[in-house]
Amino acid sequence: MLRPWPILAAALAGLAACSHFEPPSLAEGAVVSPAGIRAGSGVIGSVGVVPDAQPPTYRLYLQMDDGSSQSVEVDNPIFMLDQRVEVTPDGRVVLLSGTSLKK
């Protein structure tokens, strides 16, 4: 007689191995050309792929909290529309937890 427990245990172990999740607060991307960026927080207004860039590069258009806007090119494709981010003085774009507020 075939016992279902070893099969069930293997299935649960496989499911647990596929469920690894890193907190969004650890997600970040390096700015490809940090010259001229302004540090601060804001909301992503648009995301696009830079054509013919090697390695692949992604352009973020940011609406900054101070009312200004800027675009930065990053090396990580994790960013999406309406996410809150912080541009750091050392040339990183860090995904912030929480959501953006629509006025």
Foldseek 3Di string as FASTA:
>chain_A
DDDCVVVVVVVVVVVVVPPDDDDLQPDKWFFPDPPPDDWAKFFFADKDWDPPDVPTKMKTWTQGPVRDIDITITDDPPDDGQFMWTQDPVGMIGTDDDGDDDD
